[in-house]
Amino acid sequence: MSIDESARYQPLTALEAAVRHAMAGHGDETAVLTELLASDICVPSASEVQASGAGLTPLLVTSTRFSSRMVLLFDDISRIGPELSAKAPYCLQVAGDWLIRSIAPDLGITLFVGPGIGCELSPALLTEARLR
């Protein structure tokens, strides 16, 4: 992307804007979490999932930063590529606050908002959010 294209680029979602802002040093993970709680997100699932979340089998990755398992999330279904779709052919679109309150307390999240653009939110930060 050229400098001119970069200056005109408009994020696809408010969540993407928050992550990009934090990556540029103008925000932090708390700001990303705040936007996540107010956003709809996409959770790839290895098994068929109902709108209620029943049957959800999210993909888990291991964070070297936090030494914990992380649920893989996307800000938009268009971000999920064919390789990942082969592993998780189903997807749950759900409110971010619902997901944060529903996952196990020992899990964090890895959130992707674009090709190679994402962040990790620790289990500890998510626990703090649940207590609010």
Protein backbone atom coordinates (compact mmCIF):
# COMPACT_ATOMS: atom_id res chain seq x y z
CA MET A 1 0.00 0.00 0.00
CA SER A 2 1.47 3.37 -0.96
CA ILE A 3 1.59 6.32 1.44
CA ASP A 4 -1.33 7.94 -0.40
CA GLU A 5 -3.39 4.74 -0.19
CA SER A 6 -2.50 4.32 3.48
CA ALA A 7 -3.65 7.86 4.28
CA ARG A 8 -7.03 7.17 2.63
CA TYR A 9 -7.51 3.68 4.06
CA GLN A 10 -10.73 3.29 6.03
CA PRO A 11 -10.93 0.40 8.51
CA LEU A 12 -13.66 -2.12 7.80
CA THR A 13 -14.85 -2.11 11.44
CA ALA A 14 -14.52 0.06 14.54
CA LEU A 15 -12.72 -2.87 16.17
CA GLU A 16 -10.12 -2.85 13.40
CA ALA A 17 -9.67 0.90 13.93
CA ALA A 18 -9.10 0.35 17.68
CA VAL A 19 -6.48 -2.36 17.05
CA ARG A 20 -4.68 -0.26 14.43
CA HIS A 21 -4.75 2.73 16.80
CA ALA A 22 -3.21 0.63 19.59
CA MET A 23 -0.58 -0.82 17.25
CA ALA A 24 0.40 2.73 16.27
CA GLY A 25 0.99 3.52 19.95
CA HIS A 26 -2.09 5.72 20.35
CA GLY A 27 -4.12 3.28 22.42
CA ASP A 28 -3.74 0.15 24.50
CA GLU A 29 -5.27 -3.27 25.05
CA THR A 30 -7.89 -1.80 27.39
CA ALA A 31 -9.17 0.42 24.55
CA VAL A 32 -9.25 -2.61 22.25
CA LEU A 33 -11.15 -4.59 24.89
CA THR A 34 -13.68 -1.77 25.32
CA GLU A 35 -14.37 -1.78 21.57
CA LEU A 36 -14.47 -5.59 21.48
CA LEU A 37 -17.15 -5.65 24.18
CA ALA A 38 -19.29 -3.32 22.04
CA SER A 39 -18.70 -5.15 18.73
CA ASP A 40 -20.00 -8.19 16.94
CA ILE A 41 -17.26 -10.73 16.27
CA CYS A 42 -16.84 -13.94 14.30
CA VAL A 43 -15.72 -17.14 16.00
CA PRO A 44 -14.71 -19.98 13.66
CA SER A 45 -15.98 -23.35 14.87
CA ALA A 46 -14.83 -26.85 14.01
CA SER A 47 -18.36 -28.14 14.62
CA GLU A 48 -21.81 -26.96 13.68
CA VAL A 49 -22.90 -24.19 16.02
CA GLN A 50 -26.33 -22.81 16.83
CA ALA A 51 -27.09 -19.08 17.12
CA SER A 52 -27.26 -19.62 20.90
CA GLY A 53 -23.63 -20.77 20.89
CA ALA A 54 -24.56 -24.41 21.50
CA GLY A 55 -22.11 -26.72 19.77
CA LEU A 56 -19.35 -24.10 19.47
CA THR A 57 -15.92 -25.66 19.11
CA PRO A 58 -13.63 -22.65 18.72
CA LEU A 59 -10.13 -22.93 17.38
CA LEU A 60 -7.49 -22.54 20.08
CA VAL A 61 -3.93 -21.33 19.63
CA THR A 62 -1.19 -21.05 22.23
CA SER A 63 0.15 -17.63 23.10
CA THR A 64 3.88 -17.50 23.74
CA ARG A 65 3.38 -14.01 25.20
CA PHE A 66 0.89 -15.12 27.86
CA SER A 67 1.68 -18.87 28.00
CA SER A 68 -2.01 -19.64 27.70
CA ARG A 69 -4.55 -20.97 25.25
CA MET A 70 -6.35 -18.37 23.16
CA VAL A 71 -9.67 -18.46 21.30
CA LEU A 72 -9.24 -17.34 17.70
CA LEU A 73 -11.57 -14.45 16.71
CA PHE A 74 -12.13 -12.18 13.72
CA ASP A 75 -13.77 -8.79 13.44
CA ASP A 76 -15.43 -9.74 10.14
CA ILE A 77 -16.22 -13.03 8.43
CA SER A 78 -14.43 -11.84 5.28
CA ARG A 79 -11.13 -12.10 7.20
CA ILE A 80 -11.41 -15.90 7.52
CA GLY A 81 -9.35 -17.43 4.71
CA PRO A 82 -9.73 -20.80 2.99
CA GLU A 83 -7.08 -22.59 5.06
CA LEU A 84 -8.81 -21.70 8.31
CA SER A 85 -12.24 -22.40 6.83
CA ALA A 86 -11.05 -25.94 6.06
CA LYS A 87 -10.25 -26.46 9.77
CA ALA A 88 -13.35 -24.66 11.01
CA PRO A 89 -16.13 -24.73 8.41
CA TYR A 90 -18.69 -23.09 10.71
CA CYS A 91 -18.76 -19.63 12.22
CA LEU A 92 -20.66 -17.99 15.06
CA GLN A 93 -21.28 -14.27 14.78
CA VAL A 94 -21.89 -13.02 18.28
CA ALA A 95 -21.63 -9.97 20.52
CA GLY A 96 -18.12 -9.58 21.91
CA ASP A 97 -19.36 -9.11 25.45
CA TRP A 98 -21.31 -12.40 25.26
CA LEU A 99 -18.21 -14.29 24.14
CA ILE A 100 -15.95 -12.78 26.80
CA ARG A 101 -18.45 -13.75 29.50
CA SER A 102 -18.90 -17.24 28.03
CA ILE A 103 -15.35 -18.53 27.57
CA ALA A 104 -13.44 -20.32 30.31
CA PRO A 105 -11.48 -18.03 32.66
CA ASP A 106 -8.15 -19.60 31.69
CA LEU A 107 -8.58 -18.64 28.02
CA GLY A 108 -7.50 -15.42 26.33
CA ILE A 109 -8.28 -14.30 22.81
CA THR A 110 -6.31 -13.80 19.64
CA LEU A 111 -8.16 -11.29 17.50
CA PHE A 112 -7.44 -10.73 13.81
CA VAL A 113 -8.71 -7.57 12.12
CA GLY A 114 -6.86 -7.82 8.81
CA PRO A 115 -4.10 -9.74 7.06
CA GLY A 116 -1.29 -9.93 9.60
CA ILE A 117 -3.03 -7.40 11.84
CA GLY A 118 -4.21 -8.55 15.22
CA CYS A 119 -3.65 -8.63 18.92
CA GLU A 120 -3.87 -10.86 21.96
CA LEU A 121 -5.87 -10.13 25.08
CA SER A 122 -4.79 -12.08 28.14
CA PRO A 123 -6.99 -14.25 30.34
CA ALA A 124 -6.27 -11.81 33.20
CA LEU A 125 -7.55 -8.82 31.21
CA LEU A 126 -10.69 -10.73 30.23
CA THR A 127 -11.26 -11.66 33.89
CA GLU A 128 -11.08 -7.97 34.80
CA ALA A 129 -13.70 -7.24 32.12
CA ARG A 130 -16.03 -9.90 33.52
CA LEU A 131 -15.89 -8.21 36.93
CA ARG A 132 -17.08 -4.85 35.58
